[in-house]
């Protein structure tokens, strides 16, 4: 039987949950769940009701994911799809496979964009896509491509290996630059302007997101140590 979802719930209305709601509400009957945020223009439900949707999107911090999964597991319908959007993938994938019933389809994903970078739309942006259980991922991926996204198939471990460099070093450099104080602008070179722009795109991300990227990625510490050692070696050799 083909998978034709009609309802979707988003659990977690942080910055990314709100972005997802804005783009998905024209396509499916949408509900949201977040006891800490009041969504005045969207139907707001509790966790048990959110779990009844055809597709359940988990946009919660990794520290809350296990609790949310345990809460929704008894209410998920056979064939429903649960998708997470965390910035790391090994641990969310393990939690979903361990805590969700076998009749639920599971996808681990990581949208490689956020509210700032996708302010003008989704077209041209990328999403990492890790199908873990069930076949609905093909139809959902086709829908995402129709919205202009590039869907990148990967595994949770390969994702985290790549992101240890892509996100781990970007956030490390950005936060380090921001702690140096106001950056020079009057005589900034083009290359420095690009570096400053990249740093500005991530320096306002939440401390919890930073911790997830730098602490919860199992490959981040090794990459960070190698980077710092190379930097120290270059500085010592000049």
C-alpha atoms as a PDB file:
ATOM      1  CA  UNK A   1       0.000   0.000   0.000  1.00  0.00           C
ATOM      2  CA  UNK A   2       1.357   3.443  -0.888  1.00  0.00           C
ATOM      3  CA  UNK A   3       1.853   5.943   1.890  1.00  0.00           C
ATOM      4  CA  UNK A   4      -0.388   8.994   1.493  1.00  0.00           C
ATOM      5  CA  UNK A   5      -0.157  11.064   4.669  1.00  0.00           C
ATOM      6  CA  UNK A   6      -2.872  13.557   5.497  1.00  0.00           C
ATOM      7  CA  UNK A   7      -1.891  14.717   8.977  1.00  0.00           C
ATOM      8  CA  UNK A   8       1.397  15.903  10.460  1.00  0.00           C
ATOM      9  CA  UNK A   9       2.387  16.999  13.934  1.00  0.00           C
ATOM     10  CA  UNK A  10       5.481  18.901  15.014  1.00  0.00           C
ATOM     11  CA  UNK A  11       6.660  18.325  18.559  1.00  0.00           C
ATOM     12  CA  UNK A  12       8.803  21.261  19.632  1.00  0.00           C
ATOM     13  CA  UNK A  13       8.280  24.857  18.556  1.00  0.00           C
ATOM     14  CA  UNK A  14      11.761  26.261  18.809  1.00  0.00           C
ATOM     15  CA  UNK A  15      13.290  28.173  15.931  1.00  0.00           C
ATOM     16  CA  UNK A  16      13.386  25.183  13.599  1.00  0.00           C
ATOM     17  CA  UNK A  17       9.982  23.824  14.636  1.00  0.00           C
ATOM     18  CA  UNK A  18       8.426  27.169  13.726  1.00  0.00           C
ATOM     19  CA  UNK A  19      10.259  27.223  10.398  1.00  0.00           C
ATOM     20  CA  UNK A  20       9.037  23.720   9.578  1.00  0.00           C
ATOM     21  CA  UNK A  21       5.468  24.608  10.542  1.00  0.00           C
ATOM     22  CA  UNK A  22       5.480  27.605   8.228  1.00  0.00           C
ATOM     23  CA  UNK A  23       6.548  25.548   5.231  1.00  0.00           C
ATOM     24  CA  UNK A  24       4.502  22.402   5.918  1.00  0.00           C
ATOM     25  CA  UNK A  25       1.127  23.842   6.903  1.00  0.00           C
ATOM     26  CA  UNK A  26      -0.018  24.426   3.284  1.00  0.00           C
ATOM     27  CA  UNK A  27       0.461  20.737   2.459  1.00  0.00           C
ATOM     28  CA  UNK A  28      -1.000  18.715   5.369  1.00  0.00           C
ATOM     29  CA  UNK A  29      -3.380  19.124   8.279  1.00  0.00           C
ATOM     30  CA  UNK A  30      -0.896  20.393  10.842  1.00  0.00           C
ATOM     31  CA  UNK A  31      -0.887  20.331  14.627  1.00  0.00           C
ATOM     32  CA  UNK A  32       1.883  21.400  16.995  1.00  0.00           C
ATOM     33  CA  UNK A  33       2.889  20.413  20.501  1.00  0.00           C
ATOM     34  CA  UNK A  34       5.048  22.432  22.871  1.00  0.00           C
ATOM     35  CA  UNK A  35       3.886  23.201  26.416  1.00  0.00           C
ATOM     36  CA  UNK A  36       6.419  26.039  26.677  1.00  0.00           C
ATOM     37  CA  UNK A  37       5.353  27.922  23.525  1.00  0.00           C
ATOM     38  CA  UNK A  38       1.925  29.222  22.620  1.00  0.00           C
ATOM     39  CA  UNK A  39       1.194  28.957  18.880  1.00  0.00           C
ATOM     40  CA  UNK A  40      -1.698  31.323  18.452  1.00  0.00           C
ATOM     41  CA  UNK A  41      -2.278  30.580  14.758  1.00  0.00           C
ATOM     42  CA  UNK A  42      -1.811  26.775  14.820  1.00  0.00           C
ATOM     43  CA  UNK A  43      -3.855  23.975  16.430  1.00  0.00           C
ATOM     44  CA  UNK A  44      -1.979  23.028  19.589  1.00  0.00           C
ATOM     45  CA  UNK A  45      -2.325  19.548  21.096  1.00  0.00           C
ATOM     46  CA  UNK A  46      -0.748  17.425  23.817  1.00  0.00           C
ATOM     47  CA  UNK A  47       1.801  14.672  23.214  1.00  0.00           C
ATOM     48  CA  UNK A  48      -0.762  11.879  23.062  1.00  0.00           C
ATOM     49  CA  UNK A  49      -2.778  13.717  20.412  1.00  0.00           C
ATOM     50  CA  UNK A  50       0.332  14.691  18.472  1.00  0.00           C
ATOM     51  CA  UNK A  51       1.304  11.022  18.281  1.00  0.00           C
ATOM     52  CA  UNK A  52      -1.881  10.194  16.350  1.00  0.00           C
ATOM     53  CA  UNK A  53      -0.712  11.989  13.181  1.00  0.00           C
ATOM     54  CA  UNK A  54       0.431  10.158  10.055  1.00  0.00           C
ATOM     55  CA  UNK A  55       3.819  11.886  10.335  1.00  0.00           C
ATOM     56  CA  UNK A  56       5.326  12.999  13.646  1.00  0.00           C
ATOM     57  CA  UNK A  57       8.291  15.378  13.455  1.00  0.00           C
ATOM     58  CA  UNK A  58      10.501  15.588  16.535  1.00  0.00           C
ATOM     59  CA  UNK A  59      12.019  19.071  16.739  1.00  0.00           C
ATOM     60  CA  UNK A  60      13.102  18.800  20.372  1.00  0.00           C
ATOM     61  CA  UNK A  61      16.568  19.028  21.956  1.00  0.00           C
ATOM     62  CA  UNK A  62      18.428  15.755  22.170  1.00  0.00           C
ATOM     63  CA  UNK A  63      18.278  15.951  25.963  1.00  0.00           C
ATOM     64  CA  UNK A  64      14.460  15.695  25.790  1.00  0.00           C
ATOM     65  CA  UNK A  65      14.160  13.153  23.015  1.00  0.00           C
ATOM     66  CA  UNK A  66      14.078   9.954  25.095  1.00  0.00           C
ATOM     67  CA  UNK A  67      11.305  11.309  27.302  1.00  0.00           C
ATOM     68  CA  UNK A  68       9.229  12.429  24.310  1.00  0.00           C
ATOM     69  CA  UNK A  69       9.685   9.077  22.572  1.00  0.00           C
ATOM     70  CA  UNK A  70       8.528   7.173  25.645  1.00  0.00           C
ATOM     71  CA  UNK A  71       5.500   9.453  25.945  1.00  0.00           C
ATOM     72  CA  UNK A  72       4.340   9.098  22.340  1.00  0.00           C
ATOM     73  CA  UNK A  73       5.199   5.411  21.805  1.00  0.00           C
ATOM     74  CA  UNK A  74       1.904   3.955  23.172  1.00  0.00           C
ATOM     75  CA  UNK A  75      -0.177   6.296  20.989  1.00  0.00           C
ATOM     76  CA  UNK A  76       1.507   5.945  17.591  1.00  0.00           C
ATOM     77  CA  UNK A  77      -0.607   4.329  14.900  1.00  0.00           C
ATOM     78  CA  UNK A  78       0.615   1.343  12.857  1.00  0.00           C
ATOM     79  CA  UNK A  79       2.424   2.652   9.780  1.00  0.00           C
ATOM     80  CA  UNK A  80       2.949   6.142  11.188  1.00  0.00           C
ATOM     81  CA  UNK A  81       6.268   7.838  10.447  1.00  0.00           C
ATOM     82  CA  UNK A  82       8.467   9.436  13.107  1.00  0.00           C
ATOM     83  CA  UNK A  83      11.183  11.807  11.863  1.00  0.00           C
ATOM     84  CA  UNK A  84      13.722  13.616  13.999  1.00  0.00           C
ATOM     85  CA  UNK A  85      15.621  16.753  12.924  1.00  0.00           C
ATOM     86  CA  UNK A  86      18.477  16.792  15.435  1.00  0.00           C
ATOM     87  CA  UNK A  87      21.938  18.033  14.489  1.00  0.00           C
ATOM     88  CA  UNK A  88      23.484  14.665  15.330  1.00  0.00           C
ATOM     89  CA  UNK A  89      22.185  11.338  14.129  1.00  0.00           C
ATOM     90  CA  UNK A  90      23.808   8.341  15.854  1.00  0.00           C
ATOM     91  CA  UNK A  91      22.126   8.865  19.225  1.00  0.00           C
ATOM     92  CA  UNK A  92      18.659   9.919  17.918  1.00  0.00           C
ATOM     93  CA  UNK A  93      18.663   6.897  15.584  1.00  0.00           C
ATOM     94  CA  UNK A  94      19.479   4.571  18.468  1.00  0.00           C
ATOM     95  CA  UNK A  95      16.800   6.091  20.692  1.00  0.00           C
ATOM     96  CA  UNK A  96      14.080   5.902  18.046  1.00  0.00           C
ATOM     97  CA  UNK A  97      14.837   2.290  17.141  1.00  0.00           C
ATOM     98  CA  UNK A  98      15.037   1.281  20.806  1.00  0.00           C
ATOM     99  CA  UNK A  99      12.012   3.150  22.146  1.00  0.00           C
ATOM    100  CA  UNK A 100       9.462   3.152  19.326  1.00  0.00           C
ATOM    101  CA  UNK A 101       7.248   0.132  18.585  1.00  0.00           C
ATOM    102  CA  UNK A 102       8.112  -1.988  15.525  1.00  0.00           C
ATOM    103  CA  UNK A 103       4.925  -0.996  13.688  1.00  0.00           C
ATOM    104  CA  UNK A 104       6.222   2.586  13.341  1.00  0.00           C
ATOM    105  CA  UNK A 105       8.348   3.768  10.409  1.00  0.00           C
ATOM    106  CA  UNK A 106      11.459   5.717  11.397  1.00  0.00           C
ATOM    107  CA  UNK A 107      13.609   8.316   9.612  1.00  0.00           C
ATOM    108  CA  UNK A 108      16.571  10.185  11.061  1.00  0.00           C
ATOM    109  CA  UNK A 109      17.096  13.501   9.295  1.00  0.00           C
ATOM    110  CA  UNK A 110      19.104  16.686   9.620  1.00  0.00           C
ATOM    111  CA  UNK A 111      18.020  19.778   7.691  1.00  0.00           C
ATOM    112  CA  UNK A 112      21.306  21.466   6.767  1.00  0.00           C
ATOM    113  CA  UNK A 113      19.784  24.920   7.110  1.00  0.00           C
ATOM    114  CA  UNK A 114      17.987  27.022   9.672  1.00  0.00           C
ATOM    115  CA  UNK A 115      15.743  30.070   9.970  1.00  0.00           C
ATOM    116  CA  UNK A 116      18.558  32.463   9.029  1.00  0.00           C
ATOM    117  CA  UNK A 117      19.897  30.604   6.002  1.00  0.00           C
ATOM    118  CA  UNK A 118      16.400  29.651   4.766  1.00  0.00           C
ATOM    119  CA  UNK A 119      14.857  33.071   5.329  1.00  0.00           C
ATOM    120  CA  UNK A 120      14.130  33.406   1.621  1.00  0.00           C
ATOM    121  CA  UNK A 121      12.874  29.851   1.098  1.00  0.00           C
ATOM    122  CA  UNK A 122      13.911  26.213   1.000  1.00  0.00           C
ATOM    123  CA  UNK A 123      14.994  25.957  -2.622  1.00  0.00           C
ATOM    124  CA  UNK A 124      18.631  24.990  -2.991  1.00  0.00           C
ATOM    125  CA  UNK A 125      19.084  23.853   0.607  1.00  0.00           C
ATOM    126  CA  UNK A 126      20.000  20.325   1.686  1.00  0.00           C
ATOM    127  CA  UNK A 127      18.698  17.739   4.112  1.00  0.00           C
ATOM    128  CA  UNK A 128      20.576  14.667   5.333  1.00  0.00           C
ATOM    129  CA  UNK A 129      18.294  11.627   5.079  1.00  0.00           C
ATOM    130  CA  UNK A 130      18.758   8.384   7.026  1.00  0.00           C
ATOM    131  CA  UNK A 131      15.890   5.894   6.496  1.00  0.00           C
ATOM    132  CA  UNK A 132      15.887   3.466   9.420  1.00  0.00           C
ATOM    133  CA  UNK A 133      12.643   1.495   9.166  1.00  0.00           C
ATOM    134  CA  UNK A 134       9.809   1.266   6.628  1.00  0.00           C
ATOM    135  CA  UNK A 135       9.389   2.424   3.046  1.00  0.00           C
ATOM    136  CA  UNK A 136       7.592   5.750   3.438  1.00  0.00           C
ATOM    137  CA  UNK A 137      10.917   7.587   3.254  1.00  0.00           C
ATOM    138  CA  UNK A 138      10.828   7.393  -0.570  1.00  0.00           C
ATOM    139  CA  UNK A 139       7.538   9.274  -0.925  1.00  0.00           C
ATOM    140  CA  UNK A 140       8.486  11.820   1.737  1.00  0.00           C
ATOM    141  CA  UNK A 141      11.870  12.394   0.077  1.00  0.00           C
ATOM    142  CA  UNK A 142      10.093  12.976  -3.242  1.00  0.00           C
ATOM    143  CA  UNK A 143       7.887  15.578  -1.548  1.00  0.00           C
ATOM    144  CA  UNK A 144      10.936  17.336  -0.109  1.00  0.00           C
ATOM    145  CA  UNK A 145      12.602  17.419  -3.522  1.00  0.00           C
ATOM    146  CA  UNK A 146       9.453  18.985  -4.941  1.00  0.00           C
ATOM    147  CA  UNK A 147       9.913  21.796  -2.404  1.00  0.00           C
ATOM    148  CA  UNK A 148      13.374  22.468  -3.846  1.00  0.00           C
ATOM    149  CA  UNK A 149      15.441  20.592  -1.260  1.00  0.00           C
ATOM    150  CA  UNK A 150      18.380  18.366  -2.132  1.00  0.00           C
ATOM    151  CA  UNK A 151      17.882  15.108  -0.223  1.00  0.00           C
ATOM    152  CA  UNK A 152      21.221  13.491   0.696  1.00  0.00           C
ATOM    153  CA  UNK A 153      20.989   9.784   1.623  1.00  0.00           C
ATOM    154  CA  UNK A 154      23.449   8.818   4.331  1.00  0.00           C
ATOM    155  CA  UNK A 155      23.848   6.756   7.481  1.00  0.00           C
ATOM    156  CA  UNK A 156      23.780   8.135  11.029  1.00  0.00           C
ATOM    157  CA  UNK A 157      27.458   7.348  11.546  1.00  0.00           C
ATOM    158  CA  UNK A 158      28.616   8.877   8.251  1.00  0.00           C
ATOM    159  CA  UNK A 159      26.488  11.946   8.941  1.00  0.00           C
ATOM    160  CA  UNK A 160      28.132  12.451  12.323  1.00  0.00           C
ATOM    161  CA  UNK A 161      31.598  11.951  10.869  1.00  0.00           C
ATOM    162  CA  UNK A 162      30.951  14.657   8.268  1.00  0.00           C
ATOM    163  CA  UNK A 163      29.227  17.023  10.689  1.00  0.00           C
ATOM    164  CA  UNK A 164      32.097  16.764  13.177  1.00  0.00           C
ATOM    165  CA  UNK A 165      34.023  18.794  10.599  1.00  0.00           C
ATOM    166  CA  UNK A 166      31.268  20.811   8.910  1.00  0.00           C
ATOM    167  CA  UNK A 167      29.406  21.938  12.030  1.00  0.00           C
ATOM    168  CA  UNK A 168      31.855  21.175  14.798  1.00  0.00           C
ATOM    169  CA  UNK A 169      34.663  23.299  13.416  1.00  0.00           C
ATOM    170  CA  UNK A 170      32.351  26.051  12.123  1.00  0.00           C
ATOM    171  CA  UNK A 171      30.799  26.552  15.549  1.00  0.00           C
ATOM    172  CA  UNK A 172      34.142  26.259  17.314  1.00  0.00           C
ATOM    173  CA  UNK A 173      35.697  28.951  15.115  1.00  0.00           C
ATOM    174  CA  UNK A 174      32.594  31.171  15.228  1.00  0.00           C
ATOM    175  CA  UNK A 175      32.339  31.141  19.023  1.00  0.00           C
ATOM    176  CA  UNK A 176      36.086  31.681  19.363  1.00  0.00           C
ATOM    177  CA  UNK A 177      35.983  34.712  17.050  1.00  0.00           C
ATOM    178  CA  UNK A 178      33.008  36.189  18.896  1.00  0.00           C
ATOM    179  CA  UNK A 179      34.931  36.036  22.191  1.00  0.00           C
ATOM    180  CA  UNK A 180      37.752  38.130  20.741  1.00  0.00           C
ATOM    181  CA  UNK A 181      35.469  41.147  20.834  1.00  0.00           C
ATOM    182  CA  UNK A 182      34.311  43.383  17.961  1.00  0.00           C
ATOM    183  CA  UNK A 183      35.893  42.195  14.723  1.00  0.00           C
ATOM    184  CA  UNK A 184      37.792  44.675  12.518  1.00  0.00           C
ATOM    185  CA  UNK A 185      35.719  45.952   9.605  1.00  0.00           C
ATOM    186  CA  UNK A 186      37.366  49.043   8.124  1.00  0.00           C
ATOM    187  CA  UNK A 187      40.308  47.166   6.613  1.00  0.00           C
ATOM    188  CA  UNK A 188      38.808  43.690   6.437  1.00  0.00           C
ATOM    189  CA  UNK A 189      39.834  41.649   3.400  1.00  0.00           C
ATOM    190  CA  UNK A 190      37.249  39.813   1.353  1.00  0.00           C
ATOM    191  CA  UNK A 191      38.352  36.474   2.793  1.00  0.00           C
ATOM    192  CA  UNK A 192      37.995  37.811   6.342  1.00  0.00           C
ATOM    193  CA  UNK A 193      34.550  39.220   5.518  1.00  0.00           C
ATOM    194  CA  UNK A 194      33.470  35.761   4.367  1.00  0.00           C
ATOM    195  CA  UNK A 195      34.815  34.247   7.586  1.00  0.00           C
ATOM    196  CA  UNK A 196      33.008  36.856   9.677  1.00  0.00           C
ATOM    197  CA  UNK A 197      29.764  36.265   7.756  1.00  0.00           C
ATOM    198  CA  UNK A 198      30.005  32.520   8.352  1.00  0.00           C
ATOM    199  CA  UNK A 199      30.642  33.097  12.043  1.00  0.00           C
ATOM    200  CA  UNK A 200      27.690  35.470  12.311  1.00  0.00           C
ATOM    201  CA  UNK A 201      25.323  32.849  10.863  1.00  0.00           C
ATOM    202  CA  UNK A 202      25.864  30.484  13.807  1.00  0.00           C
ATOM    203  CA  UNK A 203      27.054  32.585  16.740  1.00  0.00           C
ATOM    204  CA  UNK A 204      23.496  33.172  18.000  1.00  0.00           C
ATOM    205  CA  UNK A 205      22.548  29.490  18.040  1.00  0.00           C
ATOM    206  CA  UNK A 206      21.414  28.275  21.439  1.00  0.00           C
ATOM    207  CA  UNK A 207      23.897  26.907  23.994  1.00  0.00           C
ATOM    208  CA  UNK A 208      22.005  23.607  23.872  1.00  0.00           C
ATOM    209  CA  UNK A 209      22.524  23.329  20.119  1.00  0.00           C
ATOM    210  CA  UNK A 210      26.205  24.138  20.547  1.00  0.00           C
ATOM    211  CA  UNK A 211      26.504  21.423  23.202  1.00  0.00           C
ATOM    212  CA  UNK A 212      24.797  18.914  20.918  1.00  0.00           C
ATOM    213  CA  UNK A 213      27.173  19.684  18.063  1.00  0.00           C
ATOM    214  CA  UNK A 214      30.367  19.727  20.131  1.00  0.00           C
ATOM    215  CA  UNK A 215      29.565  17.149  22.819  1.00  0.00           C
ATOM    216  CA  UNK A 216      26.939  14.694  21.544  1.00  0.00           C
ATOM    217  CA  UNK A 217      28.521  13.988  18.175  1.00  0.00           C
ATOM    218  CA  UNK A 218      30.725  10.939  18.883  1.00  0.00           C
ATOM    219  CA  UNK A 219      33.310  12.078  16.318  1.00  0.00           C
ATOM    220  CA  UNK A 220      33.500  15.768  17.301  1.00  0.00           C
ATOM    221  CA  UNK A 221      36.152  15.516  20.009  1.00  0.00           C
ATOM    222  CA  UNK A 222      38.617  13.702  17.762  1.00  0.00           C
ATOM    223  CA  UNK A 223      38.198  16.181  14.922  1.00  0.00           C
ATOM    224  CA  UNK A 224      38.471  19.134  17.310  1.00  0.00           C
ATOM    225  CA  UNK A 225      41.660  17.761  18.859  1.00  0.00           C
ATOM    226  CA  UNK A 226      43.256  17.221  15.465  1.00  0.00           C
ATOM    227  CA  UNK A 227      42.283  20.711  14.327  1.00  0.00           C
ATOM    228  CA  UNK A 228      43.716  22.377  17.429  1.00  0.00           C
ATOM    229  CA  UNK A 229      46.902  20.333  17.150  1.00  0.00           C
ATOM    230  CA  UNK A 230      47.336  21.351  13.502  1.00  0.00           C
ATOM    231  CA  UNK A 231      46.719  25.010  14.370  1.00  0.00           C
ATOM    232  CA  UNK A 232      49.266  24.849  17.173  1.00  0.00           C
ATOM    233  CA  UNK A 233      51.750  23.176  14.860  1.00  0.00           C
ATOM    234  CA  UNK A 234      51.341  25.832  12.193  1.00  0.00           C
ATOM    235  CA  UNK A 235      51.750  28.617  14.753  1.00  0.00           C
ATOM    236  CA  UNK A 236      54.855  26.987  16.187  1.00  0.00           C
ATOM    237  CA  UNK A 237      56.423  26.563  12.758  1.00  0.00           C
ATOM    238  CA  UNK A 238      56.256  30.160  11.563  1.00  0.00           C
END
